[in-house]
Protein backbone atom coordinates (compact mmCIF):
# COMPACT_ATOMS: atom_id res chain seq x y z
CA MET A 1 6.83 -15.62 16.39
CA ARG A 2 3.89 -16.60 14.21
CA ARG A 3 5.15 -19.36 11.89
CA TYR A 4 7.57 -22.26 12.15
CA THR A 5 8.69 -25.40 10.34
CA LEU A 6 8.99 -29.10 11.12
CA TYR A 7 10.43 -30.83 8.09
CA LEU A 8 13.10 -32.99 9.72
CA PRO A 9 12.98 -36.78 9.16
CA TRP A 10 10.81 -38.65 11.63
CA SER A 11 13.85 -40.59 12.80
CA GLU A 12 15.23 -37.29 14.13
CA ILE A 13 12.14 -36.84 16.30
CA HIS A 14 12.73 -40.31 17.76
CA ARG A 15 16.35 -39.47 18.46
CA LEU A 16 15.74 -36.01 19.88
CA TYR A 17 13.28 -37.21 22.52
CA LYS A 18 14.28 -40.87 22.93
CA LEU A 19 10.69 -41.92 22.33
CA THR A 20 9.75 -45.33 23.66
CA LEU A 21 5.96 -45.60 23.40
CA THR A 22 4.87 -47.82 20.52
CA ALA A 23 2.29 -45.32 19.27
CA ASP A 24 4.92 -42.60 19.09
CA LYS A 25 7.57 -44.73 17.40
CA ALA A 26 5.05 -45.77 14.72
CA ARG A 27 4.37 -42.17 13.63
CA ASN A 28 5.69 -40.83 10.35
CA THR A 29 4.36 -37.30 10.17
CA GLN A 30 4.82 -35.48 6.86
CA PRO A 31 7.12 -32.41 6.62
CA ARG A 32 5.53 -29.04 7.35
CA TYR A 33 6.98 -25.75 6.11
CA ASN A 34 4.36 -23.19 7.12
CA ILE A 35 2.89 -23.98 10.53
CA PHE A 36 0.79 -21.14 11.91
CA PRO A 37 -1.43 -20.42 14.96
CA THR A 38 -4.70 -22.35 15.44
CA GLN A 39 -3.34 -25.37 13.54
CA ASP A 40 -2.81 -28.66 15.37
CA VAL A 41 0.84 -29.26 16.20
CA LEU A 42 2.96 -31.86 17.95
CA PHE A 43 4.34 -31.31 21.42
CA VAL A 44 6.22 -33.48 23.91
CA THR A 45 5.16 -34.04 27.52
CA HIS A 46 6.22 -36.09 30.52
CA SER A 47 5.08 -39.67 31.04
CA ASP A 48 6.02 -42.39 33.50
CA ASP A 49 7.85 -44.11 30.63
CA GLY A 50 9.86 -41.05 29.60
CA MET A 51 8.61 -38.62 26.98
CA LYS A 52 5.45 -38.89 24.91
CA LEU A 53 3.99 -37.03 21.96
CA GLN A 54 0.70 -35.21 22.03
CA GLU A 55 -1.13 -33.18 19.44
CA GLY A 56 -3.14 -30.04 20.00
CA ARG A 57 -4.10 -26.56 18.90
CA TRP A 58 -1.32 -23.97 18.72
CA GLY A 59 -2.85 -21.24 20.88
CA LEU A 60 -3.33 -22.15 24.52
CA LEU A 61 -6.88 -22.41 25.79
CA PRO A 62 -6.90 -22.53 29.61
CA PHE A 63 -8.88 -25.22 31.40
CA TRP A 64 -11.36 -22.67 32.77
CA ALA A 65 -12.35 -21.07 29.44
CA LYS A 66 -16.05 -21.49 28.61
CA LYS A 67 -15.69 -20.83 24.89
CA LEU A 68 -12.94 -20.68 22.30
CA GLY A 69 -13.11 -16.90 21.93
CA ASN A 70 -10.29 -14.84 20.45
CA PHE A 71 -7.43 -15.76 22.75
CA SER A 72 -4.10 -14.56 21.30
CA THR A 73 -2.12 -17.15 23.18
CA PHE A 74 0.12 -18.77 20.58
CA ASN A 75 3.06 -17.02 22.29
CA ALA A 76 3.50 -16.27 25.99
CA LYS A 77 6.00 -13.89 27.58
CA SER A 78 8.16 -16.06 29.84
CA GLU A 79 8.57 -13.22 32.33
CA GLU A 80 4.83 -13.27 33.06
CA THR A 81 3.69 -16.87 32.67
CA ASP A 82 3.98 -17.85 36.33
CA LYS A 83 1.71 -14.94 37.31
CA LYS A 84 -0.85 -14.39 34.52
CA PRO A 85 -4.11 -16.37 35.03
CA MET A 86 -4.05 -17.45 31.38
CA PHE A 87 -0.79 -19.40 31.82
CA ARG A 88 -0.17 -19.74 35.57
CA GLU A 89 -1.57 -23.24 36.10
CA ALA A 90 0.11 -24.61 32.98
CA PHE A 91 3.47 -23.19 34.06
CA LYS A 92 3.22 -25.01 37.39
CA SER A 93 3.05 -28.53 36.00
CA ARG A 94 2.15 -28.65 32.30
CA ARG A 95 5.34 -27.61 30.56
CA CYS A 96 6.15 -29.11 27.19
CA LEU A 97 8.61 -29.17 24.31
CA ILE A 98 7.54 -28.17 20.81
CA PRO A 99 9.74 -29.72 18.08
CA SER A 100 10.93 -27.59 15.20
CA ASP A 101 13.87 -26.90 12.91
CA GLY A 102 13.25 -23.24 12.08
CA PHE A 103 10.91 -20.28 12.30
CA TYR A 104 10.08 -17.06 10.46
CA GLU A 105 10.17 -13.38 11.37
CA TRP A 106 9.47 -10.35 9.20
CA THR A 107 10.87 -6.92 8.46
CA LYS A 108 9.30 -4.07 6.50
CA ASN A 109 10.86 -3.41 3.11
CA ALA A 110 11.83 0.26 2.75
CA ASP A 111 11.30 0.23 -1.03
CA ASP A 112 7.78 -1.11 -1.37
CA GLY A 113 6.47 -1.22 2.21
CA ARG A 114 5.77 -4.95 2.06
CA ARG A 115 6.91 -7.57 4.56
CA ASP A 116 10.12 -9.52 3.94
CA PRO A 117 10.28 -12.93 5.66
CA TRP A 118 13.45 -14.24 7.31
CA TYR A 119 14.09 -17.90 8.08
CA ILE A 120 15.82 -18.47 11.42
CA HIS A 121 17.53 -21.74 12.33
CA LEU A 122 20.38 -23.38 14.23
CA PRO A 123 23.70 -24.20 12.51
CA GLU A 124 23.36 -27.05 9.99
CA HIS A 125 19.58 -26.78 10.41
CA SER A 126 19.76 -28.93 13.53
CA PRO A 127 16.41 -29.87 15.12
CA PHE A 128 15.48 -28.18 18.37
CA SER A 129 12.67 -27.64 20.88
CA PHE A 130 10.78 -24.52 21.83
CA ALA A 131 9.94 -24.21 25.51
CA GLY A 132 6.17 -24.51 25.73
CA LEU A 133 3.13 -24.92 27.96
CA TRP A 134 0.06 -27.05 27.36
CA ALA A 135 -3.48 -27.37 28.68
CA THR A 136 -6.56 -29.52 28.34
CA ASN A 137 -10.00 -27.93 28.36
CA GLU A 138 -12.28 -30.86 29.07
CA GLY A 139 -15.48 -28.84 28.69
CA LEU A 140 -14.62 -27.88 25.12
CA GLY A 141 -12.66 -31.04 24.32
CA ILE A 142 -9.58 -29.06 23.26
CA THR A 143 -5.93 -29.75 24.00
CA SER A 144 -3.65 -26.83 23.21
CA CYS A 145 -0.18 -25.37 23.64
CA THR A 146 1.81 -22.16 23.48
CA ILE A 147 5.45 -21.19 22.84
CA LEU A 148 7.34 -19.15 25.43
CA THR A 149 9.23 -16.05 24.32
CA ALA A 150 11.93 -13.90 25.88
CA ALA A 151 13.74 -10.63 25.30
CA LEU A 152 15.86 -10.66 22.18
CA VAL A 153 19.51 -11.54 21.84
CA GLU A 154 21.75 -11.22 18.79
CA PRO A 155 21.40 -11.84 15.89
CA ILE A 156 17.60 -11.67 16.05
CA SER A 157 17.77 -8.22 17.62
CA ALA A 158 18.31 -6.88 14.10
CA ILE A 159 14.79 -7.82 13.01
CA HIS A 160 12.56 -8.33 16.07
CA ASN A 161 12.10 -7.46 19.74
CA ARG A 162 11.04 -10.90 21.04
CA MET A 163 12.15 -14.43 20.28
CA PRO A 164 11.03 -17.97 21.12
CA ILE A 165 13.03 -19.78 23.77
CA ILE A 166 14.94 -22.76 22.34
CA LEU A 167 15.97 -24.99 25.22
CA LYS A 168 19.24 -26.86 25.50
CA PRO A 169 18.62 -30.63 25.19
CA ASP A 170 20.20 -31.40 28.55
CA VAL A 171 17.32 -29.63 30.36
CA TYR A 172 14.47 -31.25 28.41
CA GLU A 173 13.55 -33.84 31.02
CA GLN A 174 13.68 -31.42 33.94
CA TRP A 175 11.62 -28.84 32.04
CA ILE A 176 8.70 -31.18 31.33
CA ASP A 177 8.87 -32.93 34.73
CA PRO A 178 5.70 -31.80 36.59
CA THR A 179 7.54 -32.01 39.93
CA THR A 180 10.04 -29.31 38.88
CA SER A 181 9.20 -26.21 40.91
CA VAL A 182 8.17 -22.92 39.35
CA THR A 183 11.37 -21.31 40.61
CA ASP A 184 13.55 -24.02 39.07
CA ALA A 185 11.55 -23.96 35.83
CA LYS A 186 12.17 -20.22 35.45
CA GLU A 187 15.88 -20.84 35.88
CA LEU A 188 15.80 -23.53 33.20
CA LEU A 189 14.55 -20.97 30.69
CA LYS A 190 17.99 -19.37 30.90
CA GLN A 191 19.46 -22.58 29.44
CA HIS A 192 18.77 -21.76 25.81
CA LEU A 193 20.39 -21.82 22.38
CA ASP A 194 19.01 -18.52 21.10
CA GLY A 195 22.46 -16.99 20.77
CA ASP A 196 23.43 -19.70 18.24
CA LEU A 197 20.69 -18.84 15.74
CA GLN A 198 21.37 -17.93 12.13
CA MET A 199 19.07 -16.35 9.56
CA TYR A 200 18.55 -15.48 5.90
CA ARG A 201 15.83 -14.00 3.68
CA VAL A 202 13.29 -16.28 2.01
CA ASP A 203 10.60 -15.75 -0.64
CA ARG A 204 7.46 -13.79 0.22
CA GLN A 205 5.25 -16.71 -0.73
CA ILE A 206 5.53 -17.82 2.91
CA ASN A 207 3.57 -14.70 3.91
CA SER A 208 0.32 -16.44 2.94
CA ASN A 209 -1.17 -18.75 5.54
CA ARG A 210 -3.13 -20.37 2.71
CA TRP A 211 0.08 -21.83 1.31
CA PRO A 212 1.08 -25.03 3.15
CA GLY A 213 4.66 -24.64 1.95
CA ASP A 214 7.20 -26.99 0.43
CA GLU A 215 11.01 -27.24 0.30
CA THR A 216 11.18 -23.93 -1.59
CA ALA A 217 9.84 -22.11 1.47
CA ILE A 218 13.22 -22.23 3.20
CA GLU A 219 15.44 -21.55 0.21
CA PRO A 220 17.41 -18.28 0.54
CA VAL A 221 16.74 -15.39 -1.83
């Protein structure tokens, strides 16, 4: 999964995470229709006062990395994250939620060989959260995050072989709680809404990462 959207009203972010910190409640981030790797994105982490918002690079950079390099870490296979050095430490205690309301996948068009984008969302375009991990690399001054993926389920199986994990809201707090064990966290990943997803074709203009997108990006074709 290489692109997603976050165009829901800011009041929905407040409601979804029950934000209490003054700095978070004062935000009013503009809608985004074409979010892609290496951009700064919002994610939600644990705090003593509940949940708090952070912002960082989409593409996890582990704390031990000496340079930015070419890490392809915008997605992480959930089956491997507790074992792979790139994600292992983050999975132990730096789990996060990444707010969204839809994402894109692509299929190859049999007629012209070009890529056709599909917009994938929950019923009524309800807001949701990807299961994520985050890290801070103090040496490079970079905070970053990644989205966890799992084996496909219907209906996405028709167009792709992996899918982001969309957690059920009732496990949000336990997922981001740093005291939740690795074993329990892996079990929480089974509490997802992926089977509820819906999808439709959208215009190919979204294929360009130079286009920031607008409301036409998610209109069906």
